[in-house]
Amino acid sequence: EEIGYGEKGEQPRRSTHLERDPIGRLLAKLNDDARQDYAYDDGDRLLSIERKPTDTGRKLGVAAEKLEFAYDLLGRLITETTPQGALAY
């Protein structure tokens, strides 16, 4: 739970819920703005993170987005792909 101060001294609260699989990998992160789902391959490498905004998030301008990751045969990260483009390593 996060607590901060707004422009008028109010204390808005933000709660984040995490979902994990039996071996502890993060599967989802949920808050009032969006849900983020995490996918892994059989080697426990992160393959993608997909953000799906809630109705509240859409009203605040949060957009759906998917990030994808690719690895070489040695398990090293070689590309990150976002809606804006790709990075190669």
PDB file of N, CA and C in Angstrom:
ATOM      1  N   GLU A   1       0.841  -1.173   0.000  1.00  0.00           N
ATOM      2  CA  GLU A   1       0.000   0.000   0.000  1.00  0.00           C
ATOM      3  C   GLU A   1       0.887   1.238   0.000  1.00  0.00           C
ATOM      4  N   GLU A   2       0.542   2.180  -0.861  1.00  0.00           N
ATOM      5  CA  GLU A   2       1.286   3.427  -0.960  1.00  0.00           C
ATOM      6  C   GLU A   2       0.412   4.566  -0.458  1.00  0.00           C
ATOM      7  N   ILE A   3       0.992   5.455   0.299  1.00  0.00           N
ATOM      8  CA  ILE A   3       0.276   6.642   0.772  1.00  0.00           C
ATOM      9  C   ILE A   3       1.140   7.854   0.458  1.00  0.00           C
ATOM     10  N   GLY A   4       0.535   8.859  -0.114  1.00  0.00           N
ATOM     11  CA  GLY A   4       1.281  10.074  -0.433  1.00  0.00           C
ATOM     12  C   GLY A   4       0.418  11.279  -0.128  1.00  0.00           C
ATOM     13  N   TYR A   5       0.842  12.417  -0.598  1.00  0.00           N
ATOM     14  CA  TYR A   5       0.084  13.644  -0.392  1.00  0.00           C
ATOM     15  C   TYR A   5      -0.296  14.232  -1.736  1.00  0.00           C
ATOM     16  N   GLY A   6      -1.554  14.628  -1.875  1.00  0.00           N
ATOM     17  CA  GLY A   6      -2.033  15.277  -3.075  1.00  0.00           C
ATOM     18  C   GLY A   6      -1.731  16.761  -3.042  1.00  0.00           C
ATOM     19  N   GLU A   7      -2.184  17.454  -4.068  1.00  0.00           N
ATOM     20  CA  GLU A   7      -1.921  18.891  -4.197  1.00  0.00           C
ATOM     21  C   GLU A   7      -2.530  19.710  -3.065  1.00  0.00           C
ATOM     22  N   LYS A   8      -3.607  19.234  -2.477  1.00  0.00           N
ATOM     23  CA  LYS A   8      -4.307  19.991  -1.432  1.00  0.00           C
ATOM     24  C   LYS A   8      -4.069  19.395  -0.046  1.00  0.00           C
ATOM     25  N   GLY A   9      -3.037  18.607   0.097  1.00  0.00           N
ATOM     26  CA  GLY A   9      -2.703  18.030   1.387  1.00  0.00           C
ATOM     27  C   GLY A   9      -3.457  16.763   1.727  1.00  0.00           C
ATOM     28  N   GLU A  10      -4.324  16.296   0.821  1.00  0.00           N
ATOM     29  CA  GLU A  10      -5.050  15.062   1.079  1.00  0.00           C
ATOM     30  C   GLU A  10      -4.099  13.865   0.972  1.00  0.00           C
ATOM     31  N   GLN A  11      -4.500  12.756   1.529  1.00  0.00           N
ATOM     32  CA  GLN A  11      -3.656  11.560   1.509  1.00  0.00           C
ATOM     33  C   GLN A  11      -4.310  10.463   0.671  1.00  0.00           C
ATOM     34  N   PRO A  12      -4.116  10.493  -0.647  1.00  0.00           N
ATOM     35  CA  PRO A  12      -4.674   9.409  -1.464  1.00  0.00           C
ATOM     36  C   PRO A  12      -3.933   8.102  -1.178  1.00  0.00           C
ATOM     37  N   ARG A  13      -4.653   7.004  -1.260  1.00  0.00           N
ATOM     38  CA  ARG A  13      -4.062   5.684  -1.018  1.00  0.00           C
ATOM     39  C   ARG A  13      -4.080   4.884  -2.311  1.00  0.00           C
ATOM     40  N   ARG A  14      -3.088   4.044  -2.451  1.00  0.00           N
ATOM     41  CA  ARG A  14      -3.001   3.169  -3.616  1.00  0.00           C
ATOM     42  C   ARG A  14      -2.573   1.802  -3.121  1.00  0.00           C
ATOM     43  N   SER A  15      -3.373   0.808  -3.419  1.00  0.00           N
ATOM     44  CA  SER A  15      -3.048  -0.558  -3.021  1.00  0.00           C
ATOM     45  C   SER A  15      -2.649  -1.357  -4.247  1.00  0.00           C
ATOM     46  N   THR A  16      -1.677  -2.214  -4.092  1.00  0.00           N
ATOM     47  CA  THR A  16      -1.233  -3.094  -5.164  1.00  0.00           C
ATOM     48  C   THR A  16      -1.302  -4.521  -4.665  1.00  0.00           C
ATOM     49  N   HIS A  17      -1.925  -5.391  -5.464  1.00  0.00           N
ATOM     50  CA  HIS A  17      -2.042  -6.807  -5.139  1.00  0.00           C
ATOM     51  C   HIS A  17      -1.139  -7.584  -6.096  1.00  0.00           C
ATOM     52  N   LEU A  18      -0.337  -8.494  -5.569  1.00  0.00           N
ATOM     53  CA  LEU A  18       0.559  -9.315  -6.387  1.00  0.00           C
ATOM     54  C   LEU A  18       0.086 -10.758  -6.372  1.00  0.00           C
ATOM     55  N   GLU A  19       0.111 -11.409  -7.544  1.00  0.00           N
ATOM     56  CA  GLU A  19      -0.197 -12.837  -7.647  1.00  0.00           C
ATOM     57  C   GLU A  19       1.082 -13.551  -8.056  1.00  0.00           C
ATOM     58  N   ARG A  20       1.384 -14.652  -7.370  1.00  0.00           N
ATOM     59  CA  ARG A  20       2.596 -15.426  -7.660  1.00  0.00           C
ATOM     60  C   ARG A  20       2.241 -16.885  -7.883  1.00  0.00           C
ATOM     61  N   ASP A  21       3.080 -17.574  -8.646  1.00  0.00           N
ATOM     62  CA  ASP A  21       2.873 -19.007  -8.841  1.00  0.00           C
ATOM     63  C   ASP A  21       3.525 -19.771  -7.686  1.00  0.00           C
ATOM     64  N   PRO A  22       3.394 -21.105  -7.657  1.00  0.00           N
ATOM     65  CA  PRO A  22       3.941 -21.876  -6.531  1.00  0.00           C
ATOM     66  C   PRO A  22       5.453 -21.741  -6.329  1.00  0.00           C
ATOM     67  N   ILE A  23       6.201 -21.350  -7.378  1.00  0.00           N
ATOM     68  CA  ILE A  23       7.652 -21.205  -7.191  1.00  0.00           C
ATOM     69  C   ILE A  23       8.066 -19.745  -6.989  1.00  0.00           C
ATOM     70  N   GLY A  24       7.085 -18.862  -6.835  1.00  0.00           N
ATOM     71  CA  GLY A  24       7.376 -17.482  -6.476  1.00  0.00           C
ATOM     72  C   GLY A  24       7.471 -16.482  -7.609  1.00  0.00           C
ATOM     73  N   ARG A  25       7.287 -16.937  -8.855  1.00  0.00           N
ATOM     74  CA  ARG A  25       7.345 -15.981  -9.967  1.00  0.00           C
ATOM     75  C   ARG A  25       6.120 -15.072  -9.948  1.00  0.00           C
ATOM     76  N   LEU A  26       6.342 -13.819 -10.276  1.00  0.00           N
ATOM     77  CA  LEU A  26       5.247 -12.860 -10.350  1.00  0.00           C
ATOM     78  C   LEU A  26       4.391 -13.176 -11.572  1.00  0.00           C
ATOM     79  N   LEU A  27       3.092 -13.396 -11.357  1.00  0.00           N
ATOM     80  CA  LEU A  27       2.168 -13.676 -12.452  1.00  0.00           C
ATOM     81  C   LEU A  27       1.317 -12.467 -12.814  1.00  0.00           C
ATOM     82  N   ALA A  28       0.968 -11.674 -11.798  1.00  0.00           N
ATOM     83  CA  ALA A  28       0.121 -10.511 -12.062  1.00  0.00           C
ATOM     84  C   ALA A  28       0.321  -9.466 -10.977  1.00  0.00           C
ATOM     85  N   LYS A  29       0.148  -8.221 -11.390  1.00  0.00           N
ATOM     86  CA  LYS A  29       0.175  -7.086 -10.469  1.00  0.00           C
ATOM     87  C   LYS A  29      -1.089  -6.278 -10.750  1.00  0.00           C
ATOM     88  N   LEU A  30      -1.883  -6.051  -9.712  1.00  0.00           N
ATOM     89  CA  LEU A  30      -3.158  -5.365  -9.883  1.00  0.00           C
ATOM     90  C   LEU A  30      -3.240  -4.155  -8.972  1.00  0.00           C
ATOM     91  N   ASN A  31      -3.737  -3.053  -9.528  1.00  0.00           N
ATOM     92  CA  ASN A  31      -4.048  -1.873  -8.722  1.00  0.00           C
ATOM     93  C   ASN A  31      -5.278  -1.213  -9.333  1.00  0.00           C
ATOM     94  N   ASP A  32      -5.634  -0.048  -8.847  1.00  0.00           N
ATOM     95  CA  ASP A  32      -6.845   0.616  -9.331  1.00  0.00           C
ATOM     96  C   ASP A  32      -6.762   1.007 -10.804  1.00  0.00           C
ATOM     97  N   ASP A  33      -5.554   1.192 -11.326  1.00  0.00           N
ATOM     98  CA  ASP A  33      -5.370   1.678 -12.696  1.00  0.00           C
ATOM     99  C   ASP A  33      -5.303   0.577 -13.751  1.00  0.00           C
ATOM    100  N   ALA A  34      -4.708  -0.570 -13.392  1.00  0.00           N
ATOM    101  CA  ALA A  34      -4.461  -1.587 -14.411  1.00  0.00           C
ATOM    102  C   ALA A  34      -4.117  -2.934 -13.788  1.00  0.00           C
ATOM    103  N   ARG A  35      -4.150  -3.943 -14.654  1.00  0.00           N
ATOM    104  CA  ARG A  35      -3.664  -5.275 -14.316  1.00  0.00           C
ATOM    105  C   ARG A  35      -2.500  -5.548 -15.261  1.00  0.00           C
ATOM    106  N   GLN A  36      -1.400  -6.047 -14.719  1.00  0.00           N
ATOM    107  CA  GLN A  36      -0.259  -6.433 -15.539  1.00  0.00           C
ATOM    108  C   GLN A  36      -0.057  -7.931 -15.375  1.00  0.00           C
ATOM    109  N   ASP A  37      -0.053  -8.657 -16.498  1.00  0.00           N
ATOM    110  CA  ASP A  37       0.157 -10.103 -16.482  1.00  0.00           C
ATOM    111  C   ASP A  37       1.551 -10.415 -17.001  1.00  0.00           C
ATOM    112  N   TYR A  38       2.227 -11.351 -16.337  1.00  0.00           N
ATOM    113  CA  TYR A  38       3.602 -11.737 -16.655  1.00  0.00           C
ATOM    114  C   TYR A  38       3.608 -13.178 -17.153  1.00  0.00           C
ATOM    115  N   ALA A  39       4.311 -13.443 -18.262  1.00  0.00           N
ATOM    116  CA  ALA A  39       4.405 -14.794 -18.818  1.00  0.00           C
ATOM    117  C   ALA A  39       5.870 -15.207 -18.902  1.00  0.00           C
ATOM    118  N   TYR A  40       6.125 -16.492 -18.652  1.00  0.00           N
ATOM    119  CA  TYR A  40       7.487 -17.031 -18.617  1.00  0.00           C
ATOM    120  C   TYR A  40       7.583 -18.254 -19.525  1.00  0.00           C
ATOM    121  N   ASP A  41       8.799 -18.551 -19.976  1.00  0.00           N
ATOM    122  CA  ASP A  41       9.015 -19.779 -20.734  1.00  0.00           C
ATOM    123  C   ASP A  41       9.423 -20.897 -19.774  1.00  0.00           C
ATOM    124  N   ASP A  42       9.695 -22.083 -20.324  1.00  0.00           N
ATOM    125  CA  ASP A  42      10.064 -23.236 -19.493  1.00  0.00           C
ATOM    126  C   ASP A  42      11.385 -23.040 -18.769  1.00  0.00           C
ATOM    127  N   GLY A  43      12.211 -22.104 -19.231  1.00  0.00           N
ATOM    128  CA  GLY A  43      13.481 -21.812 -18.577  1.00  0.00           C
ATOM    129  C   GLY A  43      13.376 -20.687 -17.555  1.00  0.00           C
ATOM    130  N   ASP A  44      12.146 -20.321 -17.181  1.00  0.00           N
ATOM    131  CA  ASP A  44      11.871 -19.253 -16.210  1.00  0.00           C
ATOM    132  C   ASP A  44      12.287 -17.869 -16.699  1.00  0.00           C
ATOM    133  N   ARG A  45      12.431 -17.694 -17.996  1.00  0.00           N
ATOM    134  CA  ARG A  45      12.744 -16.373 -18.547  1.00  0.00           C
ATOM    135  C   ARG A  45      11.439 -15.625 -18.812  1.00  0.00           C
ATOM    136  N   LEU A  46      11.450 -14.348 -18.503  1.00  0.00           N
ATOM    137  CA  LEU A  46      10.275 -13.514 -18.732  1.00  0.00           C
ATOM    138  C   LEU A  46      10.060 -13.346 -20.231  1.00  0.00           C
ATOM    139  N   LEU A  47       8.878 -13.725 -20.715  1.00  0.00           N
ATOM    140  CA  LEU A  47       8.561 -13.601 -22.137  1.00  0.00           C
ATOM    141  C   LEU A  47       7.770 -12.338 -22.449  1.00  0.00           C
ATOM    142  N   SER A  48       6.852 -11.978 -21.547  1.00  0.00           N
ATOM    143  CA  SER A  48       6.034 -10.799 -21.834  1.00  0.00           C
ATOM    144  C   SER A  48       5.429 -10.226 -20.561  1.00  0.00           C
ATOM    145  N   ILE A  49       5.106  -8.946 -20.661  1.00  0.00           N
ATOM    146  CA  ILE A  49       4.339  -8.236 -19.644  1.00  0.00           C
ATOM    147  C   ILE A  49       3.229  -7.525 -20.409  1.00  0.00           C
ATOM    148  N   GLU A  50       1.997  -7.807 -20.025  1.00  0.00           N
ATOM    149  CA  GLU A  50       0.866  -7.191 -20.715  1.00  0.00           C
ATOM    150  C   GLU A  50       0.043  -6.374 -19.723  1.00  0.00           C
ATOM    151  N   ARG A  51      -0.111  -5.092 -20.033  1.00  0.00           N
ATOM    152  CA  ARG A  51      -0.888  -4.195 -19.174  1.00  0.00           C
ATOM    153  C   ARG A  51      -2.280  -4.010 -19.765  1.00  0.00           C
ATOM    154  N   LYS A  52      -3.286  -4.213 -18.911  1.00  0.00           N
ATOM    155  CA  LYS A  52      -4.682  -4.025 -19.301  1.00  0.00           C
ATOM    156  C   LYS A  52      -5.287  -3.004 -18.337  1.00  0.00           C
ATOM    157  N   PRO A  53      -5.611  -1.807 -18.818  1.00  0.00           N
ATOM    158  CA  PRO A  53      -6.139  -0.785 -17.909  1.00  0.00           C
ATOM    159  C   PRO A  53      -7.552  -1.113 -17.433  1.00  0.00           C
ATOM    160  N   THR A  54      -7.856  -0.691 -16.223  1.00  0.00           N
ATOM    161  CA  THR A  54      -9.218  -0.770 -15.704  1.00  0.00           C
ATOM    162  C   THR A  54      -9.996   0.425 -16.251  1.00  0.00           C
ATOM    163  N   ASP A  55     -11.286   0.485 -15.944  1.00  0.00           N
ATOM    164  CA  ASP A  55     -12.071   1.661 -16.351  1.00  0.00           C
ATOM    165  C   ASP A  55     -11.474   2.933 -15.762  1.00  0.00           C
ATOM    166  N   THR A  56     -11.063   2.859 -14.503  1.00  0.00           N
ATOM    167  CA  THR A  56     -10.420   4.014 -13.856  1.00  0.00           C
ATOM    168  C   THR A  56      -9.133   4.384 -14.581  1.00  0.00           C
ATOM    169  N   GLY A  57      -8.336   3.388 -14.926  1.00  0.00           N
ATOM    170  CA  GLY A  57      -7.090   3.636 -15.634  1.00  0.00           C
ATOM    171  C   GLY A  57      -7.307   4.288 -16.986  1.00  0.00           C
ATOM    172  N   ARG A  58      -8.309   3.794 -17.723  1.00  0.00           N
ATOM    173  CA  ARG A  58      -8.602   4.392 -19.034  1.00  0.00           C
ATOM    174  C   ARG A  58      -8.985   5.865 -18.888  1.00  0.00           C
ATOM    175  N   LYS A  59      -9.756   6.184 -17.852  1.00  0.00           N
ATOM    176  CA  LYS A  59     -10.137   7.587 -17.621  1.00  0.00           C
ATOM    177  C   LYS A  59      -8.920   8.451 -17.311  1.00  0.00           C
ATOM    178  N   LEU A  60      -7.885   7.843 -16.730  1.00  0.00           N
ATOM    179  CA  LEU A  60      -6.658   8.571 -16.399  1.00  0.00           C
ATOM    180  C   LEU A  60      -5.642   8.569 -17.541  1.00  0.00           C
ATOM    181  N   GLY A  61      -5.985   7.907 -18.652  1.00  0.00           N
ATOM    182  CA  GLY A  61      -5.086   7.872 -19.797  1.00  0.00           C
ATOM    183  C   GLY A  61      -4.150   6.682 -19.843  1.00  0.00           C
ATOM    184  N   VAL A  62      -4.363   5.688 -18.983  1.00  0.00           N
ATOM    185  CA  VAL A  62      -3.533   4.482 -19.010  1.00  0.00           C
ATOM    186  C   VAL A  62      -3.943   3.662 -20.227  1.00  0.00           C
ATOM    187  N   ALA A  63      -2.979   3.271 -21.036  1.00  0.00           N
ATOM    188  CA  ALA A  63      -3.255   2.517 -22.257  1.00  0.00           C
ATOM    189  C   ALA A  63      -2.840   1.059 -22.100  1.00  0.00           C
ATOM    190  N   ALA A  64      -3.486   0.204 -22.875  1.00  0.00           N
ATOM    191  CA  ALA A  64      -3.061  -1.192 -22.943  1.00  0.00           C
ATOM    192  C   ALA A  64      -1.692  -1.228 -23.608  1.00  0.00           C
ATOM    193  N   GLU A  65      -0.853  -2.135 -23.151  1.00  0.00           N
ATOM    194  CA  GLU A  65       0.504  -2.213 -23.696  1.00  0.00           C
ATOM    195  C   GLU A  65       1.050  -3.613 -23.461  1.00  0.00           C
ATOM    196  N   LYS A  66       1.837  -4.099 -24.414  1.00  0.00           N
ATOM    197  CA  LYS A  66       2.486  -5.399 -24.258  1.00  0.00           C
ATOM    198  C   LYS A  66       3.966  -5.258 -24.566  1.00  0.00           C
ATOM    199  N   LEU A  67       4.797  -5.749 -23.654  1.00  0.00           N
ATOM    200  CA  LEU A  67       6.242  -5.800 -23.847  1.00  0.00           C
ATOM    201  C   LEU A  67       6.611  -7.264 -24.026  1.00  0.00           C
ATOM    202  N   GLU A  68       7.456  -7.547 -25.012  1.00  0.00           N
ATOM    203  CA  GLU A  68       7.872  -8.926 -25.264  1.00  0.00           C
ATOM    204  C   GLU A  68       9.391  -9.010 -25.250  1.00  0.00           C
ATOM    205  N   PHE A  69       9.894 -10.143 -24.778  1.00  0.00           N
ATOM    206  CA  PHE A  69      11.327 -10.357 -24.628  1.00  0.00           C
ATOM    207  C   PHE A  69      11.726 -11.631 -25.359  1.00  0.00           C
ATOM    208  N   ALA A  70      12.899 -11.606 -26.009  1.00  0.00           N
ATOM    209  CA  ALA A  70      13.421 -12.787 -26.703  1.00  0.00           C
ATOM    210  C   ALA A  70      14.851 -13.035 -26.242  1.00  0.00           C
ATOM    211  N   TYR A  71      15.237 -14.306 -26.258  1.00  0.00           N
ATOM    212  CA  TYR A  71      16.530 -14.731 -25.727  1.00  0.00           C
ATOM    213  C   TYR A  71      17.261 -15.599 -26.748  1.00  0.00           C
ATOM    214  N   ASP A  72      18.591 -15.614 -26.661  1.00  0.00           N
ATOM    215  CA  ASP A  72      19.366 -16.500 -27.523  1.00  0.00           C
ATOM    216  C   ASP A  72      19.424 -17.893 -26.889  1.00  0.00           C
ATOM    217  N   LEU A  73      20.142 -18.806 -27.540  1.00  0.00           N
ATOM    218  CA  LEU A  73      20.208 -20.189 -27.052  1.00  0.00           C
ATOM    219  C   LEU A  73      20.885 -20.319 -25.696  1.00  0.00           C
ATOM    220  N   LEU A  74      21.675 -19.312 -25.313  1.00  0.00           N
ATOM    221  CA  LEU A  74      22.336 -19.335 -24.005  1.00  0.00           C
ATOM    222  C   LEU A  74      21.496 -18.653 -22.922  1.00  0.00           C
ATOM    223  N   GLY A  75      20.304 -18.206 -23.294  1.00  0.00           N
ATOM    224  CA  GLY A  75      19.417 -17.579 -22.319  1.00  0.00           C
ATOM    225  C   GLY A  75      19.649 -16.102 -22.107  1.00  0.00           C
ATOM    226  N   ARG A  76      20.450 -15.491 -22.976  1.00  0.00           N
ATOM    227  CA  ARG A  76      20.723 -14.061 -22.845  1.00  0.00           C
ATOM    228  C   ARG A  76      19.654 -13.253 -23.575  1.00  0.00           C
ATOM    229  N   LEU A  77      19.242 -12.156 -22.962  1.00  0.00           N
ATOM    230  CA  LEU A  77      18.248 -11.281 -23.576  1.00  0.00           C
ATOM    231  C   LEU A  77      18.815 -10.699 -24.870  1.00  0.00           C
ATOM    232  N   ILE A  78      18.062 -10.851 -25.972  1.00  0.00           N
ATOM    233  CA  ILE A  78      18.538 -10.302 -27.248  1.00  0.00           C
ATOM    234  C   ILE A  78      17.620  -9.217 -27.808  1.00  0.00           C
ATOM    235  N   THR A  79      16.330  -9.259 -27.485  1.00  0.00           N
ATOM    236  CA  THR A  79      15.440  -8.183 -27.934  1.00  0.00           C
ATOM    237  C   THR A  79      14.346  -7.902 -26.908  1.00  0.00           C
ATOM    238  N   GLU A  80      13.964  -6.630 -26.859  1.00  0.00           N
ATOM    239  CA  GLU A  80      12.792  -6.165 -26.115  1.00  0.00           C
ATOM    240  C   GLU A  80      11.911  -5.471 -27.136  1.00  0.00           C
ATOM    241  N   THR A  81      10.669  -5.879 -27.228  1.00  0.00           N
ATOM    242  CA  THR A  81       9.753  -5.280 -28.184  1.00  0.00           C
ATOM    243  C   THR A  81       8.612  -4.605 -27.438  1.00  0.00           C
ATOM    244  N   THR A  82       8.365  -3.342 -27.787  1.00  0.00           N
ATOM    245  CA  THR A  82       7.279  -2.564 -27.193  1.00  0.00           C
ATOM    246  C   THR A  82       6.441  -1.992 -28.334  1.00  0.00           C
ATOM    247  N   PRO A  83       5.304  -1.385 -28.034  1.00  0.00           N
ATOM    248  CA  PRO A  83       4.535  -0.743 -29.103  1.00  0.00           C
ATOM    249  C   PRO A  83       5.318   0.367 -29.816  1.00  0.00           C
ATOM    250  N   GLN A  84       6.318   0.929 -29.158  1.00  0.00           N
ATOM    251  CA  GLN A  84       7.113   1.995 -29.765  1.00  0.00           C
ATOM    252  C   GLN A  84       8.236   1.470 -30.660  1.00  0.00           C
ATOM    253  N   GLY A  85       8.553   0.186 -30.566  1.00  0.00           N
ATOM    254  CA  GLY A  85       9.630  -0.371 -31.370  1.00  0.00           C
ATOM    255  C   GLY A  85      10.370  -1.454 -30.623  1.00  0.00           C
ATOM    256  N   ALA A  86      11.546  -1.807 -31.127  1.00  0.00           N
ATOM    257  CA  ALA A  86      12.327  -2.893 -30.532  1.00  0.00           C
ATOM    258  C   ALA A  86      13.742  -2.432 -30.222  1.00  0.00           C
ATOM    259  N   LEU A  87      14.280  -3.007 -29.159  1.00  0.00           N
ATOM    260  CA  LEU A  87      15.682  -2.815 -28.798  1.00  0.00           C
ATOM    261  C   LEU A  87      16.387  -4.146 -28.988  1.00  0.00           C
ATOM    262  N   ALA A  88      17.540  -4.125 -29.608  1.00  0.00           N
ATOM    263  CA  ALA A  88      18.323  -5.345 -29.785  1.00  0.00           C
ATOM    264  C   ALA A  88      19.607  -5.216 -28.991  1.00  0.00           C
ATOM    265  N   TYR A  89      20.027  -6.322 -28.388  1.00  0.00           N
ATOM    266  CA  TYR A  89      21.244  -6.326 -27.578  1.00  0.00           C
ATOM    267  C   TYR A  89      22.299  -7.189 -28.224  1.00  0.00           C
TER     268      TYR A  89
END
